[in-house]
Amino acid sequence: MNYYISDLHFFCKSQLDNGGVNFDKRPYKTLEEMHADIKDRWNKKVTNGDRVFILGDISMRGYNENLVALVAQLKGQKVLVKGNHDDVSDARYKQLFREICDYREVTDSFDGKSYRLILSHYPILMWNGQHKGAILLYGHTHNSREDIYFQKCIDEMNSENGILHENEPEIMAINVGCMKEYMDYTPRSLKELLKHKGSNR
C-alpha cells in the first residue's frame, strides 16, 4: 500500500500555541504531545511493507539527534520529496529513507484502476499529464490564503470557461498537508484522498 502526507513540521514550535503562532490551529500543547500523537496514528496505519511518500517539511532545518530517533520509529519505506525546511545533510538521517528527491512521478492503483500521480512539495499550476488525468499531490501551503487561491485556480480551469478540451478528465490537485481535516495527522491512501475529493464535488 502507498500512503501520502506532508508538512509534519516536527520540532517546530511555531506550530503550537505554546511558543508559536500555530497558524494551522494544531490541537497540541507541546511538541512532545504532537510527536507522540502523529507517531501513534502513523504506526497504527502503516506497516513496514507499505511505502509512505512524505511531500516535504518533516522538520525544521538543522542537525537534530532527536529527529533521527523519531523518524526511525515511523513504520514503512519512506520516500522524501524534499521541501524548503528539509535538511538531509546528516548521513544517519538520509539512511532512514528509501529515496530522497525533489519531485517524483508514480503510478498508484486501487479497485482495478491505475492513476498517475505527480508528487511535489510545492503546488504547481501546470504539471506533466495534467490534461490526461494525472493528479497532483502537494503540500507547502497548509491552510492558507495561498492554498485557497491555488484551489480556486484549479476550479477555474475545470469550469465552463476553463482550459479543458472536450472529453478531458477533471484537473485535480490535492493538498496532503497533515493538518488538513481529511488528513487528520495520518498518512492517507490515494483511495482515501479521492473519496474526500469526491465528497467535495
Foldseek 3Di string as FASTA:
>chain_A
DEWEEEALAQPPQLCAPVNHVNPLVDPDHDSVVSLVVLQVQQQVPDAQAYEYEYQENNHADDDDPVVLVSLLSGHYAYEYQYDPRDDPPDPSSVVSHPYYHNWDWDWDDDPPDIAIETGHQDDDLDDPCQQVRYEYEYEDQRPHPVVVVSVVSLVQLQDPPHVHDPPTDRGHYHYRYCSDPLNVSYTDDPVSRVVVVVVVD
